[in-house]
Amino acid sequence: MNVVFHPAAQIEAQKATAHYTEIHKQLGRDFRKELEEAVSRIVKAPTAWHPIKKDYRRCTLNRFPFGIIYRLDPSKNECQVFAVMHFKRKPGYWQSREF
């Protein structure tokens, strides 16, 4: 299964990594590592997380207050990541994004 990030989700991941790196270099590395591990968990078991809206699911990071919002597209064998969302951000802001 291929994992494809929406451009806005990629920017969110980069900004979050930069934010944690500003606090401490290792913290930024830890965030990025946990994000990559969460994506790996999704690839291994894509339906393990409950749907949050229609076909969208959210996989939460363990140490950081973020979730990965994604949708599966079996016809393309893709996991489409719509957002790397901070839990304090307005819910649903990502819903207008399209692939």
PDB file of N, CA and C in Angstrom:
ATOM      1  N   MET A   1       0.843  -1.181   0.000  1.00  0.00           N
ATOM      2  CA  MET A   1       0.000   0.000   0.000  1.00  0.00           C
ATOM      3  C   MET A   1       0.888   1.245   0.000  1.00  0.00           C
ATOM      4  N   ASN A   2       0.563   2.166  -0.894  1.00  0.00           N
ATOM      5  CA  ASN A   2       1.273   3.436  -0.965  1.00  0.00           C
ATOM      6  C   ASN A   2       0.625   4.436  -0.012  1.00  0.00           C
ATOM      7  N   VAL A   3       1.441   5.262   0.608  1.00  0.00           N
ATOM      8  CA  VAL A   3       0.952   6.324   1.476  1.00  0.00           C
ATOM      9  C   VAL A   3       1.214   7.642   0.768  1.00  0.00           C
ATOM     10  N   VAL A   4       0.141   8.420   0.575  1.00  0.00           N
ATOM     11  CA  VAL A   4       0.236   9.700  -0.123  1.00  0.00           C
ATOM     12  C   VAL A   4      -0.255  10.790   0.817  1.00  0.00           C
ATOM     13  N   PHE A   5       0.574  11.793   1.049  1.00  0.00           N
ATOM     14  CA  PHE A   5       0.208  12.918   1.903  1.00  0.00           C
ATOM     15  C   PHE A   5      -0.375  14.046   1.058  1.00  0.00           C
ATOM     16  N   HIS A   6      -1.487  14.583   1.505  1.00  0.00           N
ATOM     17  CA  HIS A   6      -2.008  15.814   0.913  1.00  0.00           C
ATOM     18  C   HIS A   6      -0.945  16.890   1.152  1.00  0.00           C
ATOM     19  N   PRO A   7      -0.732  17.808   0.210  1.00  0.00           N
ATOM     20  CA  PRO A   7       0.295  18.844   0.408  1.00  0.00           C
ATOM     21  C   PRO A   7       0.130  19.613   1.728  1.00  0.00           C
ATOM     22  N   ALA A   8      -1.100  19.884   2.120  1.00  0.00           N
ATOM     23  CA  ALA A   8      -1.328  20.605   3.377  1.00  0.00           C
ATOM     24  C   ALA A   8      -0.947  19.742   4.583  1.00  0.00           C
ATOM     25  N   ALA A   9      -1.183  18.439   4.498  1.00  0.00           N
ATOM     26  CA  ALA A   9      -0.796  17.531   5.586  1.00  0.00           C
ATOM     27  C   ALA A   9       0.725  17.454   5.690  1.00  0.00           C
ATOM     28  N   GLN A  10       1.397  17.473   4.556  1.00  0.00           N
ATOM     29  CA  GLN A  10       2.862  17.464   4.554  1.00  0.00           C
ATOM     30  C   GLN A  10       3.390  18.723   5.238  1.00  0.00           C
ATOM     31  N   ILE A  11       2.788  19.848   4.957  1.00  0.00           N
ATOM     32  CA  ILE A  11       3.193  21.116   5.584  1.00  0.00           C
ATOM     33  C   ILE A  11       2.937  21.056   7.089  1.00  0.00           C
ATOM     34  N   GLU A  12       1.800  20.499   7.489  1.00  0.00           N
ATOM     35  CA  GLU A  12       1.498  20.369   8.921  1.00  0.00           C
ATOM     36  C   GLU A  12       2.552  19.530   9.629  1.00  0.00           C
ATOM     37  N   ALA A  13       2.961  18.441   9.007  1.00  0.00           N
ATOM     38  CA  ALA A  13       3.991  17.573   9.597  1.00  0.00           C
ATOM     39  C   ALA A  13       5.318  18.322   9.714  1.00  0.00           C
ATOM     40  N   GLN A  14       5.661  19.068   8.679  1.00  0.00           N
ATOM     41  CA  GLN A  14       6.913  19.831   8.695  1.00  0.00           C
ATOM     42  C   GLN A  14       6.885  20.917   9.769  1.00  0.00           C
ATOM     43  N   LYS A  15       5.763  21.620   9.887  1.00  0.00           N
ATOM     44  CA  LYS A  15       5.650  22.691  10.885  1.00  0.00           C
ATOM     45  C   LYS A  15       5.710  22.130  12.306  1.00  0.00           C
ATOM     46  N   ALA A  16       5.044  21.016  12.528  1.00  0.00           N
ATOM     47  CA  ALA A  16       5.073  20.401  13.856  1.00  0.00           C
ATOM     48  C   ALA A  16       6.485  19.938  14.193  1.00  0.00           C
ATOM     49  N   THR A  17       7.167  19.347  13.224  1.00  0.00           N
ATOM     50  CA  THR A  17       8.546  18.906  13.450  1.00  0.00           C
ATOM     51  C   THR A  17       9.428  20.105  13.773  1.00  0.00           C
ATOM     52  N   ALA A  18       9.272  21.184  13.017  1.00  0.00           N
ATOM     53  CA  ALA A  18      10.065  22.397  13.255  1.00  0.00           C
ATOM     54  C   ALA A  18       9.762  22.979  14.639  1.00  0.00           C
ATOM     55  N   HIS A  19       8.495  22.982  15.021  1.00  0.00           N
ATOM     56  CA  HIS A  19       8.109  23.505  16.337  1.00  0.00           C
ATOM     57  C   HIS A  19       8.805  22.728  17.453  1.00  0.00           C
ATOM     58  N   TYR A  20       8.741  21.412  17.387  1.00  0.00           N
ATOM     59  CA  TYR A  20       9.363  20.601  18.430  1.00  0.00           C
ATOM     60  C   TYR A  20      10.884  20.682  18.371  1.00  0.00           C
ATOM     61  N   THR A  21      11.450  20.865  17.184  1.00  0.00           N
ATOM     62  CA  THR A  21      12.896  21.023  17.050  1.00  0.00           C
ATOM     63  C   THR A  21      13.362  22.321  17.702  1.00  0.00           C
ATOM     64  N   GLU A  22      12.543  23.372  17.596  1.00  0.00           N
ATOM     65  CA  GLU A  22      12.877  24.642  18.247  1.00  0.00           C
ATOM     66  C   GLU A  22      12.945  24.485  19.763  1.00  0.00           C
ATOM     67  N   ILE A  23      12.096  23.660  20.298  1.00  0.00           N
ATOM     68  CA  ILE A  23      12.094  23.423  21.741  1.00  0.00           C
ATOM     69  C   ILE A  23      13.351  22.646  22.125  1.00  0.00           C
ATOM     70  N   HIS A  24      13.611  21.575  21.394  1.00  0.00           N
ATOM     71  CA  HIS A  24      14.823  20.769  21.602  1.00  0.00           C
ATOM     72  C   HIS A  24      15.013  19.883  20.378  1.00  0.00           C
ATOM     73  N   LYS A  25      16.238  19.835  19.899  1.00  0.00           N
ATOM     74  CA  LYS A  25      16.529  19.104  18.668  1.00  0.00           C
ATOM     75  C   LYS A  25      16.046  17.648  18.731  1.00  0.00           C
ATOM     76  N   GLN A  26      16.287  16.993  19.869  1.00  0.00           N
ATOM     77  CA  GLN A  26      15.883  15.595  20.000  1.00  0.00           C
ATOM     78  C   GLN A  26      14.361  15.456  20.004  1.00  0.00           C
ATOM     79  N   LEU A  27      13.665  16.427  20.542  1.00  0.00           N
ATOM     80  CA  LEU A  27      12.205  16.384  20.567  1.00  0.00           C
ATOM     81  C   LEU A  27      11.646  16.402  19.138  1.00  0.00           C
ATOM     82  N   GLY A  28      12.257  17.196  18.278  1.00  0.00           N
ATOM     83  CA  GLY A  28      11.854  17.211  16.872  1.00  0.00           C
ATOM     84  C   GLY A  28      12.079  15.865  16.207  1.00  0.00           C
ATOM     85  N   ARG A  29      13.213  15.249  16.504  1.00  0.00           N
ATOM     86  CA  ARG A  29      13.494  13.909  15.958  1.00  0.00           C
ATOM     87  C   ARG A  29      12.492  12.889  16.487  1.00  0.00           C
ATOM     88  N   ASP A  30      12.173  13.010  17.775  1.00  0.00           N
ATOM     89  CA  ASP A  30      11.213  12.080  18.387  1.00  0.00           C
ATOM     90  C   ASP A  30       9.833  12.207  17.743  1.00  0.00           C
ATOM     91  N   PHE A  31       9.415  13.452  17.475  1.00  0.00           N
ATOM     92  CA  PHE A  31       8.119  13.662  16.832  1.00  0.00           C
ATOM     93  C   PHE A  31       8.104  13.006  15.450  1.00  0.00           C
ATOM     94  N   ARG A  32       9.134  13.257  14.674  1.00  0.00           N
ATOM     95  CA  ARG A  32       9.196  12.717  13.318  1.00  0.00           C
ATOM     96  C   ARG A  32       9.206  11.185  13.339  1.00  0.00           C
ATOM     97  N   LYS A  33       9.947  10.620  14.276  1.00  0.00           N
ATOM     98  CA  LYS A  33      10.017   9.160  14.396  1.00  0.00           C
ATOM     99  C   LYS A  33       8.648   8.587  14.760  1.00  0.00           C
ATOM    100  N   GLU A  34       7.968   9.232  15.704  1.00  0.00           N
ATOM    101  CA  GLU A  34       6.653   8.736  16.095  1.00  0.00           C
ATOM    102  C   GLU A  34       5.635   8.881  14.964  1.00  0.00           C
ATOM    103  N   LEU A  35       5.733   9.947  14.202  1.00  0.00           N
ATOM    104  CA  LEU A  35       4.866  10.131  13.043  1.00  0.00           C
ATOM    105  C   LEU A  35       5.095   9.005  12.024  1.00  0.00           C
ATOM    106  N   GLU A  36       6.341   8.705  11.756  1.00  0.00           N
ATOM    107  CA  GLU A  36       6.668   7.628  10.810  1.00  0.00           C
ATOM    108  C   GLU A  36       6.194   6.270  11.331  1.00  0.00           C
ATOM    109  N   GLU A  37       6.324   6.049  12.623  1.00  0.00           N
ATOM    110  CA  GLU A  37       5.850   4.790  13.212  1.00  0.00           C
ATOM    111  C   GLU A  37       4.327   4.667  13.104  1.00  0.00           C
ATOM    112  N   ALA A  38       3.630   5.782  13.292  1.00  0.00           N
ATOM    113  CA  ALA A  38       2.168   5.764  13.162  1.00  0.00           C
ATOM    114  C   ALA A  38       1.762   5.433  11.729  1.00  0.00           C
ATOM    115  N   VAL A  39       2.455   5.996  10.763  1.00  0.00           N
ATOM    116  CA  VAL A  39       2.167   5.682   9.356  1.00  0.00           C
ATOM    117  C   VAL A  39       2.424   4.199   9.103  1.00  0.00           C
ATOM    118  N   SER A  40       3.480   3.658   9.665  1.00  0.00           N
ATOM    119  CA  SER A  40       3.765   2.219   9.513  1.00  0.00           C
ATOM    120  C   SER A  40       2.660   1.365  10.116  1.00  0.00           C
ATOM    121  N   ARG A  41       2.136   1.781  11.273  1.00  0.00           N
ATOM    122  CA  ARG A  41       1.026   1.050  11.896  1.00  0.00           C
ATOM    123  C   ARG A  41      -0.200   1.073  10.989  1.00  0.00           C
ATOM    124  N   ILE A  42      -0.447   2.208  10.366  1.00  0.00           N
ATOM    125  CA  ILE A  42      -1.594   2.324   9.457  1.00  0.00           C
ATOM    126  C   ILE A  42      -1.423   1.367   8.274  1.00  0.00           C
ATOM    127  N   VAL A  43      -0.230   1.334   7.703  1.00  0.00           N
ATOM    128  CA  VAL A  43       0.025   0.464   6.545  1.00  0.00           C
ATOM    129  C   VAL A  43      -0.164  -1.000   6.921  1.00  0.00           C
ATOM    130  N   LYS A  44       0.286  -1.382   8.116  1.00  0.00           N
ATOM    131  CA  LYS A  44       0.186  -2.779   8.550  1.00  0.00           C
ATOM    132  C   LYS A  44      -1.251  -3.191   8.861  1.00  0.00           C
ATOM    133  N   ALA A  45      -2.038  -2.256   9.413  1.00  0.00           N
ATOM    134  CA  ALA A  45      -3.423  -2.571   9.792  1.00  0.00           C
ATOM    135  C   ALA A  45      -4.303  -1.353   9.522  1.00  0.00           C
ATOM    136  N   PRO A  46      -4.599  -1.087   8.246  1.00  0.00           N
ATOM    137  CA  PRO A  46      -5.280   0.159   7.879  1.00  0.00           C
ATOM    138  C   PRO A  46      -6.687   0.335   8.449  1.00  0.00           C
ATOM    139  N   THR A  47      -7.350  -0.745   8.795  1.00  0.00           N
ATOM    140  CA  THR A  47      -8.714  -0.606   9.326  1.00  0.00           C
ATOM    141  C   THR A  47      -8.765  -0.747  10.851  1.00  0.00           C
ATOM    142  N   ALA A  48      -7.621  -0.694  11.505  1.00  0.00           N
ATOM    143  CA  ALA A  48      -7.566  -0.865  12.962  1.00  0.00           C
ATOM    144  C   ALA A  48      -8.190   0.306  13.723  1.00  0.00           C
ATOM    145  N   TRP A  49      -8.275   1.460  13.116  1.00  0.00           N
ATOM    146  CA  TRP A  49      -8.825   2.635  13.790  1.00  0.00           C
ATOM    147  C   TRP A  49     -10.251   2.878  13.317  1.00  0.00           C
ATOM    148  N   HIS A  50     -11.083   3.264  14.268  1.00  0.00           N
ATOM    149  CA  HIS A  50     -12.501   3.481  13.968  1.00  0.00           C
ATOM    150  C   HIS A  50     -12.683   4.669  13.036  1.00  0.00           C
ATOM    151  N   PRO A  51     -13.654   4.575  12.156  1.00  0.00           N
ATOM    152  CA  PRO A  51     -13.954   5.728  11.296  1.00  0.00           C
ATOM    153  C   PRO A  51     -14.424   6.918  12.143  1.00  0.00           C
ATOM    154  N   ILE A  52     -13.972   8.107  11.764  1.00  0.00           N
ATOM    155  CA  ILE A  52     -14.427   9.309  12.464  1.00  0.00           C
ATOM    156  C   ILE A  52     -15.480  10.052  11.655  1.00  0.00           C
ATOM    157  N   LYS A  53     -15.461   9.839  10.364  1.00  0.00           N
ATOM    158  CA  LYS A  53     -16.453  10.452   9.476  1.00  0.00           C
ATOM    159  C   LYS A  53     -16.435   9.686   8.167  1.00  0.00           C
ATOM    160  N   LYS A  54     -17.541   9.111   7.836  1.00  0.00           N
ATOM    161  CA  LYS A  54     -17.674   8.336   6.604  1.00  0.00           C
ATOM    162  C   LYS A  54     -16.498   7.383   6.451  1.00  0.00           C
ATOM    163  N   ASP A  55     -15.622   7.601   5.480  1.00  0.00           N
ATOM    164  CA  ASP A  55     -14.504   6.693   5.213  1.00  0.00           C
ATOM    165  C   ASP A  55     -13.187   7.143   5.843  1.00  0.00           C
ATOM    166  N   TYR A  56     -13.224   8.173   6.653  1.00  0.00           N
ATOM    167  CA  TYR A  56     -12.007   8.732   7.241  1.00  0.00           C
ATOM    168  C   TYR A  56     -11.742   8.124   8.613  1.00  0.00           C
ATOM    169  N   ARG A  57     -10.468   7.931   8.894  1.00  0.00           N
ATOM    170  CA  ARG A  57     -10.049   7.360  10.171  1.00  0.00           C
ATOM    171  C   ARG A  57      -8.974   8.240  10.792  1.00  0.00           C
ATOM    172  N   ARG A  58      -8.783   8.066  12.105  1.00  0.00           N
ATOM    173  CA  ARG A  58      -7.747   8.839  12.796  1.00  0.00           C
ATOM    174  C   ARG A  58      -6.877   7.903  13.617  1.00  0.00           C
ATOM    175  N   CYS A  59      -5.590   7.946  13.352  1.00  0.00           N
ATOM    176  CA  CYS A  59      -4.600   7.207  14.124  1.00  0.00           C
ATOM    177  C   CYS A  59      -3.876   8.228  15.006  1.00  0.00           C
ATOM    178  N   THR A  60      -3.893   8.002  16.300  1.00  0.00           N
ATOM    179  CA  THR A  60      -3.272   8.957  17.210  1.00  0.00           C
ATOM    180  C   THR A  60      -1.811   8.608  17.476  1.00  0.00           C
ATOM    181  N   LEU A  61      -1.030   9.656  17.664  1.00  0.00           N
ATOM    182  CA  LEU A  61       0.348   9.470  18.092  1.00  0.00           C
ATOM    183  C   LEU A  61       0.325   9.232  19.593  1.00  0.00           C
ATOM    184  N   ASN A  62       1.285   8.484  20.096  1.00  0.00           N
ATOM    185  CA  ASN A  62       1.283   8.119  21.508  1.00  0.00           C
ATOM    186  C   ASN A  62       1.770   9.237  22.419  1.00  0.00           C
ATOM    187  N   ARG A  63       2.856   9.873  22.071  1.00  0.00           N
ATOM    188  CA  ARG A  63       3.507  10.836  22.956  1.00  0.00           C
ATOM    189  C   ARG A  63       3.100  12.283  22.683  1.00  0.00           C
ATOM    190  N   PHE A  64       2.646  12.560  21.498  1.00  0.00           N
ATOM    191  CA  PHE A  64       2.354  13.930  21.086  1.00  0.00           C
ATOM    192  C   PHE A  64       0.855  14.083  20.826  1.00  0.00           C
ATOM    193  N   PRO A  65       0.307  15.291  21.031  1.00  0.00           N
ATOM    194  CA  PRO A  65      -1.147  15.497  20.863  1.00  0.00           C
ATOM    195  C   PRO A  65      -1.553  15.687  19.403  1.00  0.00           C
ATOM    196  N   PHE A  66      -1.254  14.689  18.589  1.00  0.00           N
ATOM    197  CA  PHE A  66      -1.536  14.750  17.160  1.00  0.00           C
ATOM    198  C   PHE A  66      -2.202  13.468  16.705  1.00  0.00           C
ATOM    199  N   GLY A  67      -2.967  13.590  15.633  1.00  0.00           N
ATOM    200  CA  GLY A  67      -3.557  12.438  14.987  1.00  0.00           C
ATOM    201  C   GLY A  67      -3.361  12.543  13.486  1.00  0.00           C
ATOM    202  N   ILE A  68      -3.302  11.395  12.846  1.00  0.00           N
ATOM    203  CA  ILE A  68      -3.203  11.335  11.384  1.00  0.00           C
ATOM    204  C   ILE A  68      -4.592  11.005  10.862  1.00  0.00           C
ATOM    205  N   ILE A  69      -5.147  11.902  10.070  1.00  0.00           N
ATOM    206  CA  ILE A  69      -6.454  11.691   9.458  1.00  0.00           C
ATOM    207  C   ILE A  69      -6.207  11.118   8.066  1.00  0.00           C
ATOM    208  N   TYR A  70      -6.795   9.953   7.803  1.00  0.00           N
ATOM    209  CA  TYR A  70      -6.531   9.293   6.527  1.00  0.00           C
ATOM    210  C   TYR A  70      -7.771   8.590   5.997  1.00  0.00           C
ATOM    211  N   ARG A  71      -7.679   8.254   4.727  1.00  0.00           N
ATOM    212  CA  ARG A  71      -8.734   7.504   4.038  1.00  0.00           C
ATOM    213  C   ARG A  71      -8.053   6.471   3.148  1.00  0.00           C
ATOM    214  N   LEU A  72      -8.680   5.321   3.049  1.00  0.00           N
ATOM    215  CA  LEU A  72      -8.158   4.268   2.181  1.00  0.00           C
ATOM    216  C   LEU A  72      -8.830   4.351   0.823  1.00  0.00           C
ATOM    217  N   ASP A  73      -8.040   4.181  -0.218  1.00  0.00           N
ATOM    218  CA  ASP A  73      -8.562   4.112  -1.579  1.00  0.00           C
ATOM    219  C   ASP A  73      -8.104   2.787  -2.173  1.00  0.00           C
ATOM    220  N   PRO A  74      -8.925   1.725  -2.013  1.00  0.00           N
ATOM    221  CA  PRO A  74      -8.523   0.402  -2.484  1.00  0.00           C
ATOM    222  C   PRO A  74      -8.277   0.329  -3.990  1.00  0.00           C
ATOM    223  N   SER A  75      -8.978   1.155  -4.755  1.00  0.00           N
ATOM    224  CA  SER A  75      -8.808   1.104  -6.211  1.00  0.00           C
ATOM    225  C   SER A  75      -7.398   1.526  -6.628  1.00  0.00           C
ATOM    226  N   LYS A  76      -6.753   2.366  -5.821  1.00  0.00           N
ATOM    227  CA  LYS A  76      -5.386   2.812  -6.102  1.00  0.00           C
ATOM    228  C   LYS A  76      -4.365   2.158  -5.165  1.00  0.00           C
ATOM    229  N   ASN A  77      -4.867   1.303  -4.260  1.00  0.00           N
ATOM    230  CA  ASN A  77      -4.015   0.702  -3.236  1.00  0.00           C
ATOM    231  C   ASN A  77      -3.270   1.795  -2.470  1.00  0.00           C
ATOM    232  N   GLU A  78      -4.028   2.825  -2.033  1.00  0.00           N
ATOM    233  CA  GLU A  78      -3.441   3.985  -1.381  1.00  0.00           C
ATOM    234  C   GLU A  78      -4.049   4.239  -0.014  1.00  0.00           C
ATOM    235  N   CYS A  79      -3.199   4.777   0.835  1.00  0.00           N
ATOM    236  CA  CYS A  79      -3.640   5.399   2.081  1.00  0.00           C
ATOM    237  C   CYS A  79      -3.412   6.889   1.870  1.00  0.00           C
ATOM    238  N   GLN A  80      -4.482   7.653   1.859  1.00  0.00           N
ATOM    239  CA  GLN A  80      -4.393   9.085   1.592  1.00  0.00           C
ATOM    240  C   GLN A  80      -4.462   9.838   2.921  1.00  0.00           C
ATOM    241  N   VAL A  81      -3.381  10.514   3.270  1.00  0.00           N
ATOM    242  CA  VAL A  81      -3.306  11.267   4.522  1.00  0.00           C
ATOM    243  C   VAL A  81      -3.793  12.686   4.252  1.00  0.00           C
ATOM    244  N   PHE A  82      -4.885  13.046   4.915  1.00  0.00           N
ATOM    245  CA  PHE A  82      -5.492  14.356   4.713  1.00  0.00           C
ATOM    246  C   PHE A  82      -4.980  15.397   5.692  1.00  0.00           C
ATOM    247  N   ALA A  83      -4.562  14.970   6.891  1.00  0.00           N
ATOM    248  CA  ALA A  83      -4.118  15.937   7.885  1.00  0.00           C
ATOM    249  C   ALA A  83      -3.214  15.267   8.913  1.00  0.00           C
ATOM    250  N   VAL A  84      -2.276  16.056   9.408  1.00  0.00           N
ATOM    251  CA  VAL A  84      -1.519  15.720  10.606  1.00  0.00           C
ATOM    252  C   VAL A  84      -1.998  16.768  11.604  1.00  0.00           C
ATOM    253  N   MET A  85      -3.017  16.395  12.357  1.00  0.00           N
ATOM    254  CA  MET A  85      -3.837  17.349  13.105  1.00  0.00           C
ATOM    255  C   MET A  85      -3.464  17.409  14.588  1.00  0.00           C
ATOM    256  N   HIS A  86      -3.225  18.612  15.067  1.00  0.00           N
ATOM    257  CA  HIS A  86      -3.054  18.837  16.499  1.00  0.00           C
ATOM    258  C   HIS A  86      -4.439  18.784  17.132  1.00  0.00           C
ATOM    259  N   PHE A  87      -4.555  18.114  18.265  1.00  0.00           N
ATOM    260  CA  PHE A  87      -5.867  17.911  18.877  1.00  0.00           C
ATOM    261  C   PHE A  87      -6.516  19.198  19.391  1.00  0.00           C
ATOM    262  N   LYS A  88      -5.733  20.257  19.568  1.00  0.00           N
ATOM    263  CA  LYS A  88      -6.314  21.529  20.032  1.00  0.00           C
ATOM    264  C   LYS A  88      -6.806  22.392  18.875  1.00  0.00           C
ATOM    265  N   ARG A  89      -6.550  21.944  17.656  1.00  0.00           N
ATOM    266  CA  ARG A  89      -6.972  22.710  16.490  1.00  0.00           C
ATOM    267  C   ARG A  89      -8.450  22.458  16.221  1.00  0.00           C
ATOM    268  N   LYS A  90      -9.063  23.362  15.539  1.00  0.00           N
ATOM    269  CA  LYS A  90     -10.482  23.257  15.214  1.00  0.00           C
ATOM    270  C   LYS A  90     -10.783  21.929  14.516  1.00  0.00           C
ATOM    271  N   PRO A  91     -11.666  21.114  15.089  1.00  0.00           N
ATOM    272  CA  PRO A  91     -11.994  19.832  14.450  1.00  0.00           C
ATOM    273  C   PRO A  91     -12.641  20.033  13.082  1.00  0.00           C
ATOM    274  N   GLY A  92     -12.317  19.181  12.169  1.00  0.00           N
ATOM    275  CA  GLY A  92     -12.964  19.207  10.864  1.00  0.00           C
ATOM    276  C   GLY A  92     -12.400  20.196   9.869  1.00  0.00           C
ATOM    277  N   TYR A  93     -11.371  20.947  10.247  1.00  0.00           N
ATOM    278  CA  TYR A  93     -10.822  21.959   9.329  1.00  0.00           C
ATOM    279  C   TYR A  93     -10.301  21.331   8.034  1.00  0.00           C
ATOM    280  N   TRP A  94      -9.955  20.072   8.079  1.00  0.00           N
ATOM    281  CA  TRP A  94      -9.340  19.370   6.948  1.00  0.00           C
ATOM    282  C   TRP A  94     -10.369  18.820   5.951  1.00  0.00           C
ATOM    283  N   GLN A  95     -11.649  18.886   6.287  1.00  0.00           N
ATOM    284  CA  GLN A  95     -12.670  18.196   5.498  1.00  0.00           C
ATOM    285  C   GLN A  95     -12.858  18.703   4.077  1.00  0.00           C
ATOM    286  N   SER A  96     -12.392  19.880   3.784  1.00  0.00           N
ATOM    287  CA  SER A  96     -12.534  20.406   2.423  1.00  0.00           C
ATOM    288  C   SER A  96     -11.384  19.968   1.507  1.00  0.00           C
ATOM    289  N   ARG A  97     -10.429  19.276   2.062  1.00  0.00           N
ATOM    290  CA  ARG A  97      -9.276  18.834   1.258  1.00  0.00           C
ATOM    291  C   ARG A  97      -9.652  17.673   0.347  1.00  0.00           C
ATOM    292  N   GLU A  98      -9.087  17.702  -0.840  1.00  0.00           N
ATOM    293  CA  GLU A  98      -9.378  16.638  -1.817  1.00  0.00           C
ATOM    294  C   GLU A  98      -8.096  16.148  -2.458  1.00  0.00           C
ATOM    295  N   PHE A  99      -8.141  14.914  -2.890  1.00  0.00           N
ATOM    296  CA  PHE A  99      -7.023  14.330  -3.660  1.00  0.00           C
ATOM    297  C   PHE A  99      -7.407  14.306  -5.115  1.00  0.00           C
TER     298      PHE A  99
END
